[in-house]
N, C-alpha and C. Protein backbone atom coordinates (compact mmCIF):
# COMPACT_ATOMS: atom_id res chain seq x y z
N UNK A 1 14.56 17.30 27.78
CA UNK A 1 15.87 16.86 28.80
C UNK A 1 16.22 15.86 27.43
N UNK A 2 17.19 15.57 27.53
CA UNK A 2 18.30 14.59 26.47
C UNK A 2 18.80 13.97 27.53
N UNK A 3 18.47 12.23 27.43
CA UNK A 3 19.22 11.33 28.11
C UNK A 3 20.48 11.12 27.41
N UNK A 4 21.66 11.04 28.19
CA UNK A 4 22.95 10.55 27.25
C UNK A 4 22.76 9.25 26.67
N UNK A 5 23.15 8.88 25.95
CA UNK A 5 22.80 7.70 24.48
C UNK A 5 21.60 7.96 23.91
N UNK A 6 20.59 8.75 24.23
CA UNK A 6 19.55 8.99 23.23
C UNK A 6 19.65 9.03 21.86
N UNK A 7 20.34 9.83 21.64
CA UNK A 7 20.93 9.98 20.15
C UNK A 7 21.55 8.99 19.47
N UNK A 8 22.31 8.30 20.29
CA UNK A 8 22.89 7.19 20.08
C UNK A 8 21.83 5.73 19.41
N UNK A 9 20.69 5.86 20.60
CA UNK A 9 19.87 5.10 20.35
C UNK A 9 18.78 5.36 18.66
N UNK A 10 18.73 6.88 18.60
CA UNK A 10 18.09 6.99 17.61
C UNK A 10 18.69 7.12 16.66
N UNK A 11 20.06 6.88 16.57
CA UNK A 11 20.85 6.35 15.33
C UNK A 11 20.61 5.16 14.97
N UNK A 12 20.81 4.37 15.86
CA UNK A 12 20.62 3.04 15.78
C UNK A 12 18.97 2.62 15.43
N UNK A 13 17.98 3.18 15.92
CA UNK A 13 16.91 2.94 15.44
C UNK A 13 16.63 3.03 13.79
N UNK A 14 17.39 4.14 13.47
CA UNK A 14 17.29 4.57 12.04
C UNK A 14 18.21 3.94 11.03
N UNK A 15 19.20 3.28 11.88
CA UNK A 15 19.92 1.92 11.23
C UNK A 15 18.93 0.99 10.70
N UNK A 16 18.31 0.45 11.83
CA UNK A 16 17.88 -0.66 11.74
C UNK A 16 16.34 -0.37 10.85
N UNK A 17 15.78 0.54 10.85
CA UNK A 17 15.12 1.21 10.09
C UNK A 17 15.13 0.77 8.52
N UNK A 18 16.95 1.12 7.88
CA UNK A 18 17.32 1.46 6.78
C UNK A 18 17.33 -0.17 6.39
N UNK A 19 18.11 -0.70 7.32
CA UNK A 19 18.57 -2.17 6.98
C UNK A 19 17.26 -3.17 6.72
N UNK A 20 16.35 -2.98 7.47
CA UNK A 20 14.58 -3.37 7.36
C UNK A 20 14.35 -3.47 5.83
N UNK A 21 14.37 -2.67 5.40
CA UNK A 21 14.30 -1.67 4.10
C UNK A 21 14.87 -2.42 3.04
N UNK A 22 16.25 -2.11 3.52
CA UNK A 22 17.15 -2.88 2.22
C UNK A 22 16.69 -4.62 2.06
N UNK A 23 16.12 -4.91 3.75
CA UNK A 23 16.09 -6.32 3.46
C UNK A 23 14.50 -6.63 2.94
N UNK A 24 13.61 -5.82 2.88
CA UNK A 24 12.27 -5.65 2.49
C UNK A 24 12.36 -6.15 0.60
N UNK A 25 13.10 -4.91 0.17
CA UNK A 25 13.64 -4.75 -1.24
C UNK A 25 14.36 -6.04 -1.39
N UNK A 26 15.35 -7.10 -0.80
CA UNK A 26 16.17 -7.90 -1.72
C UNK A 26 15.51 -8.88 -1.58
N UNK A 27 14.33 -9.10 -0.48
CA UNK A 27 13.35 -10.21 -0.86
C UNK A 27 12.30 -10.09 -2.07
N UNK A 28 12.01 -9.13 -2.16
CA UNK A 28 10.97 -8.47 -3.02
C UNK A 28 11.93 -8.76 -4.67
N UNK A 29 13.26 -8.56 -4.80
CA UNK A 29 13.70 -9.00 -5.85
C UNK A 29 14.47 -9.94 -6.21
N UNK A 30 14.41 -10.75 -4.92
CA UNK A 30 14.86 -12.68 -4.69
C UNK A 30 13.72 -13.07 -5.78
N UNK A 31 12.13 -12.87 -4.64
CA UNK A 31 11.52 -13.46 -5.27
C UNK A 31 10.88 -13.22 -6.68
N UNK A 32 11.07 -12.05 -6.90
CA UNK A 32 10.98 -11.44 -8.33
C UNK A 32 11.51 -12.25 -9.23
N UNK A 33 12.81 -12.68 -9.08
CA UNK A 33 13.59 -13.34 -9.89
C UNK A 33 13.26 -14.67 -10.18
N UNK A 34 13.00 -15.61 -8.46
CA UNK A 34 12.23 -16.76 -8.59
C UNK A 34 11.54 -16.68 -9.22
N UNK A 35 10.40 -16.16 -9.22
CA UNK A 35 9.06 -16.35 -10.51
C UNK A 35 9.68 -16.17 -11.96
N UNK A 36 10.36 -15.37 -12.26
CA UNK A 36 10.95 -15.17 -13.78
C UNK A 36 11.56 -16.52 -13.58
N UNK A 37 12.05 -17.10 -13.32
CA UNK A 37 12.87 -18.18 -13.50
C UNK A 37 11.91 -19.59 -13.44
N UNK A 38 10.93 -19.58 -12.69
CA UNK A 38 10.08 -20.66 -12.75
C UNK A 38 9.02 -20.68 -13.93
N UNK A 39 8.30 -19.32 -14.16
CA UNK A 39 7.98 -19.05 -15.49
C UNK A 39 8.57 -19.04 -16.91
N UNK A 40 10.05 -19.24 -16.99
CA UNK A 40 10.55 -19.50 -17.88
C UNK A 40 10.74 -20.75 -18.28
N UNK A 41 11.02 -21.42 -16.93
CA UNK A 41 11.47 -23.17 -16.84
C UNK A 41 10.23 -23.78 -17.79
């Protein structure tokens, strides 16, 4: 039995998950760049 809006909620969760993943990747890249800058300075 599917509630109305359940599919929408699942889509929203998927988007949230992708955003979190992207955010983590960005943070890793950013910290990598910071480390490179610090070690070269």
